[in-house]
N, C-alpha and C. Protein backbone atom coordinates (compact mmCIF):
# COMPACT_ATOMS: atom_id res chain seq x y z
N MET A 1 81.43 106.00 119.22
CA MET A 1 81.35 105.23 118.48
C MET A 1 82.70 105.04 118.89
N ASP A 2 82.57 103.44 119.22
CA ASP A 2 84.15 102.84 119.21
C ASP A 2 84.96 101.89 117.86
N GLU A 3 85.60 101.93 118.13
CA GLU A 3 86.34 101.66 116.39
C GLU A 3 86.05 100.48 115.81
N ASN A 4 85.75 99.19 116.21
CA ASN A 4 85.13 98.61 115.62
C ASN A 4 83.82 99.17 115.01
N GLU A 5 82.85 99.17 115.51
CA GLU A 5 81.40 100.47 114.88
C GLU A 5 81.43 100.93 113.96
N LEU A 6 83.07 102.24 113.80
CA LEU A 6 83.66 103.09 112.49
C LEU A 6 83.71 101.80 111.79
N GLY A 7 85.02 100.38 111.80
CA GLY A 7 85.00 99.80 111.41
C GLY A 7 84.35 99.17 110.06
N GLU A 8 83.07 98.64 110.81
CA GLU A 8 81.65 98.17 110.34
C GLU A 8 81.24 99.38 109.26
N ARG A 9 81.15 100.55 110.23
CA ARG A 9 80.10 101.19 109.22
C ARG A 9 81.50 101.71 107.29
N LEU A 10 81.79 102.22 108.05
CA LEU A 10 83.26 102.31 106.70
C LEU A 10 83.00 101.22 105.80
N LEU A 11 83.29 100.07 106.32
CA LEU A 11 83.61 98.40 105.59
C LEU A 11 82.55 99.16 104.51
N GLY A 12 81.42 99.46 104.80
CA GLY A 12 79.87 99.18 104.37
C GLY A 12 80.15 100.93 102.89
N PHE A 13 80.74 101.81 103.66
CA PHE A 13 80.53 102.98 102.55
C PHE A 13 81.59 102.78 101.96
N ALA A 14 82.77 101.88 101.76
CA ALA A 14 84.03 101.60 101.34
C ALA A 14 83.23 100.83 99.92
N LEU A 15 82.05 99.51 100.29
CA LEU A 15 81.73 98.54 99.47
C LEU A 15 80.79 99.47 98.61
N LYS A 16 80.50 100.77 99.00
CA LYS A 16 79.36 101.19 98.16
C LYS A 16 80.13 102.10 97.33
N VAL A 17 80.82 102.71 97.54
CA VAL A 17 82.10 103.67 96.65
C VAL A 17 82.42 102.86 95.36
N HIS A 18 83.10 101.60 96.02
CA HIS A 18 83.49 100.68 95.24
C HIS A 18 82.37 100.13 94.26
N ARG A 19 81.54 99.71 94.32
CA ARG A 19 80.54 99.23 93.52
C ARG A 19 79.71 100.20 92.48
N THR A 20 79.48 101.41 92.80
CA THR A 20 79.66 102.59 92.44
C THR A 20 80.01 103.47 91.50
N LEU A 21 81.45 103.04 91.26
CA LEU A 21 82.50 103.91 90.80
C LEU A 21 83.16 102.95 90.28
N GLY A 22 83.27 101.50 90.10
CA GLY A 22 84.03 100.42 90.11
C GLY A 22 85.47 101.00 90.03
N PRO A 23 86.50 99.75 89.08
CA PRO A 23 87.93 99.84 89.14
C PRO A 23 88.42 100.70 88.44
N GLY A 24 89.48 101.18 88.99
CA GLY A 24 90.23 101.50 87.84
C GLY A 24 91.11 103.30 88.38
N LEU A 25 90.17 103.58 89.17
CA LEU A 25 90.38 104.90 89.32
C LEU A 25 91.49 105.61 89.82
N LEU A 26 91.91 106.74 89.63
CA LEU A 26 92.71 107.02 90.82
C LEU A 26 92.41 107.24 92.55
N GLU A 27 93.03 106.62 93.42
CA GLU A 27 93.00 106.85 94.86
C GLU A 27 92.12 107.63 94.78
N SER A 28 92.69 109.13 94.93
CA SER A 28 92.07 110.46 95.15
C SER A 28 90.28 110.34 95.03
N ALA A 29 89.63 110.13 93.66
CA ALA A 29 88.76 109.61 93.42
C ALA A 29 87.22 108.70 94.38
N TYR A 30 87.89 107.61 94.91
CA TYR A 30 87.47 106.70 95.90
C TYR A 30 87.54 107.13 96.95
N GLU A 31 88.83 108.49 97.47
CA GLU A 31 89.08 109.49 98.88
C GLU A 31 87.86 109.93 99.24
N ALA A 32 87.50 110.64 97.78
CA ALA A 32 86.57 111.77 97.99
C ALA A 32 85.37 111.36 97.88
N CYS A 33 85.23 110.56 97.21
CA CYS A 33 83.44 109.46 97.69
C CYS A 33 83.43 109.37 98.84
N LEU A 34 84.55 108.98 99.71
CA LEU A 34 83.89 107.90 100.31
C LEU A 34 83.93 109.25 101.36
N SER A 35 84.51 109.91 101.47
CA SER A 35 84.48 111.39 102.14
C SER A 35 83.10 112.03 101.92
N HIS A 36 82.50 111.99 101.20
CA HIS A 36 80.98 112.02 100.74
C HIS A 36 80.48 111.31 101.81
N GLU A 37 80.59 109.99 101.52
CA GLU A 37 79.43 109.34 102.52
C GLU A 37 79.84 109.19 103.95
N LEU A 38 80.93 109.78 104.45
CA LEU A 38 81.02 110.22 106.14
C LEU A 38 80.52 111.19 106.20
N SER A 39 80.40 112.03 105.20
CA SER A 39 79.73 113.72 105.80
C SER A 39 78.35 113.27 106.21
N LYS A 40 77.71 112.63 105.51
CA LYS A 40 76.24 112.17 105.02
C LYS A 40 75.85 111.43 106.11
N ALA A 41 76.64 110.57 106.89
CA ALA A 41 76.76 109.41 107.98
C ALA A 41 76.57 110.73 109.73
N GLY A 42 77.64 111.99 108.96
CA GLY A 42 77.57 112.78 109.71
C GLY A 42 78.45 112.06 111.07
N ILE A 43 79.74 111.96 110.51
CA ILE A 43 80.76 111.60 111.36
C ILE A 43 82.03 112.04 110.31
N GLU A 44 82.66 112.50 111.65
CA GLU A 44 83.38 113.29 111.76
C GLU A 44 85.19 112.32 111.08
N HIS A 45 85.48 113.62 110.07
CA HIS A 45 86.22 113.14 109.41
C HIS A 45 87.69 113.90 109.11
N ARG A 46 88.65 113.75 108.74
CA ARG A 46 89.60 114.78 107.95
C ARG A 46 90.35 114.17 106.49
N ARG A 47 90.54 114.57 105.50
CA ARG A 47 91.24 113.89 104.86
C ARG A 47 92.76 114.17 104.63
N GLN A 48 93.78 113.74 104.27
CA GLN A 48 95.42 114.15 103.87
C GLN A 48 95.58 114.67 105.07
N VAL A 49 96.07 114.72 106.02
CA VAL A 49 96.62 114.35 107.42
C VAL A 49 97.28 114.36 107.55
N ALA A 50 98.43 115.43 107.86
CA ALA A 50 99.40 115.65 107.98
C ALA A 50 100.22 114.66 108.88
N LEU A 51 101.46 113.79 108.91
CA LEU A 51 102.31 112.90 109.33
C LEU A 51 103.28 113.13 109.85
N PRO A 52 103.58 113.44 110.72
CA PRO A 52 105.13 113.45 110.95
C PRO A 52 105.40 112.88 112.10
N ILE A 53 106.83 112.25 112.32
CA ILE A 53 106.98 111.88 112.80
C ILE A 53 108.32 112.09 113.83
N LEU A 54 108.52 111.70 115.05
CA LEU A 54 109.11 112.14 116.06
C LEU A 54 110.69 111.24 116.37
N TYR A 55 111.01 112.23 115.81
CA TYR A 55 112.75 111.18 115.96
C TYR A 55 113.72 111.60 117.43
N ASP A 56 114.30 110.44 118.07
CA ASP A 56 115.75 112.30 119.01
C ASP A 56 114.37 112.96 119.22
N GLY A 57 113.47 112.64 119.66
CA GLY A 57 112.83 114.21 120.32
C GLY A 57 112.61 115.15 119.27
N ALA A 58 112.65 114.60 117.84
CA ALA A 58 112.06 116.07 117.09
C ALA A 58 110.91 115.80 116.27
N ARG A 59 110.21 116.76 116.23
CA ARG A 59 109.29 116.40 114.83
C ARG A 59 109.45 116.93 113.59
N ILE A 60 109.34 115.72 112.73
CA ILE A 60 109.74 116.09 111.40
C ILE A 60 108.94 115.67 110.70
N ASP A 61 108.46 116.81 109.87
CA ASP A 61 107.78 116.13 108.32
C ASP A 61 108.12 116.60 107.36
N LEU A 62 107.87 114.69 106.56
CA LEU A 62 108.89 114.15 105.66
C LEU A 62 107.54 114.49 104.63
N GLY A 63 106.04 115.13 104.97
CA GLY A 63 105.50 114.63 103.75
C GLY A 63 104.21 113.28 103.96
N TYR A 64 104.34 112.44 104.70
CA TYR A 64 103.34 111.58 105.27
C TYR A 64 102.08 112.47 105.31
N ARG A 65 101.04 111.79 104.62
CA ARG A 65 99.78 111.84 104.75
C ARG A 65 98.89 110.98 104.71
N LEU A 66 98.08 110.96 106.05
CA LEU A 66 96.79 110.31 105.87
C LEU A 66 95.78 110.14 105.05
N ASP A 67 95.50 109.95 104.37
CA ASP A 67 94.30 109.56 102.99
C ASP A 67 93.29 110.09 103.96
N LEU A 68 92.46 109.27 105.09
CA LEU A 68 91.60 109.81 106.27
C LEU A 68 92.05 109.43 107.46
N LEU A 69 91.27 110.61 108.52
CA LEU A 69 90.77 110.31 109.59
C LEU A 69 89.74 110.49 110.36
N ILE A 70 89.63 109.22 110.52
CA ILE A 70 88.35 108.99 110.85
C ILE A 70 87.93 108.96 113.01
N GLU A 71 87.26 110.42 113.13
CA GLU A 71 86.55 110.82 114.59
C GLU A 71 88.33 110.71 115.47
N SER A 72 89.51 110.84 114.92
CA SER A 72 90.98 110.78 115.15
C SER A 72 91.13 108.95 116.15
N LYS A 73 89.96 108.39 115.09
CA LYS A 73 90.26 106.55 116.06
C LYS A 73 91.07 105.92 114.82
N VAL A 74 90.26 106.07 113.68
CA VAL A 74 90.51 104.90 112.80
C VAL A 74 91.43 105.62 111.30
N ILE A 75 92.20 105.20 111.01
CA ILE A 75 92.84 105.85 109.98
C ILE A 75 92.87 104.53 108.78
N VAL A 76 92.59 105.46 107.46
CA VAL A 76 92.02 105.13 106.10
C VAL A 76 93.42 105.06 105.56
N GLU A 77 94.02 104.14 104.47
CA GLU A 77 94.59 104.15 103.86
C GLU A 77 94.11 103.82 102.31
N LEU A 78 93.95 104.56 101.24
CA LEU A 78 93.38 104.50 99.99
C LEU A 78 94.58 103.48 99.44
N LYS A 79 94.22 102.24 98.55
CA LYS A 79 95.12 101.89 97.32
C LYS A 79 94.63 101.79 96.60
N SER A 80 94.90 101.65 95.39
CA SER A 80 94.77 101.71 94.24
C SER A 80 95.12 100.70 92.88
N VAL A 81 95.15 99.54 94.04
CA VAL A 81 96.09 98.69 93.08
C VAL A 81 95.51 97.06 93.28
N ARG A 82 96.01 96.20 92.51
CA ARG A 82 95.24 95.43 92.08
C ARG A 82 95.34 93.88 93.93
N ALA A 83 96.48 94.42 94.19
CA ALA A 83 96.64 93.01 95.89
C ALA A 83 97.79 94.36 96.47
N LEU A 84 97.24 94.47 97.55
CA LEU A 84 98.59 94.46 99.11
C LEU A 84 99.05 93.65 99.16
N THR A 85 100.34 94.47 99.49
CA THR A 85 102.08 93.60 99.13
C THR A 85 102.30 93.89 100.82
N ASP A 86 103.66 93.26 101.20
CA ASP A 86 103.99 93.56 102.65
C ASP A 86 104.34 95.32 102.31
N VAL A 87 104.96 95.32 101.79
CA VAL A 87 105.18 97.65 102.09
C VAL A 87 103.81 98.15 102.27
N HIS A 88 102.78 97.24 101.90
CA HIS A 88 101.44 98.30 101.77
C HIS A 88 101.19 98.26 103.43
N ARG A 89 101.25 96.74 104.14
CA ARG A 89 101.05 96.83 105.05
C ARG A 89 102.27 97.42 105.98
N ALA A 90 103.00 97.09 105.66
CA ALA A 90 104.26 98.26 106.90
C ALA A 90 103.49 99.23 107.04
N GLN A 91 103.65 99.78 105.89
CA GLN A 91 103.11 101.54 105.49
C GLN A 91 101.95 101.89 106.55
N LEU A 92 100.73 100.58 107.19
CA LEU A 92 99.51 101.27 107.46
C LEU A 92 99.99 101.06 108.91
N LEU A 93 101.00 99.83 109.22
CA LEU A 93 101.09 99.53 110.61
C LEU A 93 101.83 100.59 111.17
N SER A 94 102.87 101.43 110.49
CA SER A 94 103.58 102.62 110.31
C SER A 94 102.85 103.88 111.20
N TYR A 95 102.31 103.86 110.36
CA TYR A 95 100.82 105.21 110.53
C TYR A 95 99.71 104.93 111.68
N ARG A 96 99.77 103.94 111.69
CA ARG A 96 99.11 103.52 113.06
C ARG A 96 99.56 103.99 114.19
N ASP A 97 100.90 103.23 114.00
CA ASP A 97 101.56 103.35 116.29
C ASP A 97 101.97 105.15 115.28
N TRP A 98 102.76 105.25 114.48
CA TRP A 98 102.87 107.20 114.56
C TRP A 98 101.45 107.65 115.16
N ALA A 99 100.44 107.75 114.65
CA ALA A 99 99.42 108.40 115.10
C ALA A 99 98.79 107.84 115.96
N ALA A 100 99.24 106.96 116.89
CA ALA A 100 98.57 106.42 117.74
C ALA A 100 97.04 105.99 117.66
N THR A 101 96.96 105.34 117.16
CA THR A 101 95.50 104.99 116.64
C THR A 101 95.40 103.67 117.02
N ALA A 102 93.93 103.41 117.59
CA ALA A 102 93.67 101.78 117.78
C ALA A 102 93.26 101.31 116.57
N LEU A 103 93.37 101.24 115.41
CA LEU A 103 92.53 100.95 113.69
C LEU A 103 93.34 101.24 113.03
N ALA A 104 93.73 100.83 111.84
CA ALA A 104 94.44 101.08 110.58
C ALA A 104 93.72 100.41 109.14
N THR A 105 93.05 100.96 108.77
CA THR A 105 92.13 99.79 107.63
C THR A 105 92.82 100.37 106.25
N CYS A 106 92.93 99.19 105.29
CA CYS A 106 93.15 99.40 103.94
C CYS A 106 92.46 99.15 102.77
N SER A 107 92.11 99.96 102.18
CA SER A 107 90.68 99.81 101.10
C SER A 107 91.12 99.77 100.35
N ILE A 108 91.41 98.58 98.98
CA ILE A 108 92.05 98.54 98.14
C ILE A 108 91.08 98.28 96.56
N SER A 109 91.18 98.95 94.95
CA SER A 109 90.13 98.99 94.12
C SER A 109 91.59 98.51 93.21
N THR A 110 90.83 97.30 92.25
CA THR A 110 91.68 96.98 91.23
C THR A 110 91.66 98.09 89.68
């Protein structure tokens, strides 16, 4: 399955989770339920994946974590906020670049 197909399926799962749980929960609740949906669908994924940065030839672990990494192709960053800000977008783009994935997406819940 390519990144676009994964993205489409992911969107459907995220909408299902949000409609079922509603707004106002911690990101970890949405992450656990989205992970459950991915598992039911047989889609390989990992939660809370460490993401070190490479600087000056050194690998430095600063505690960055990807909420979900799907089939090593798609990063999902979950936010429980009313609206995304430029900082959220910059974080997501940095994660995508550091992880060298083709697609990164942010799911929000208010």
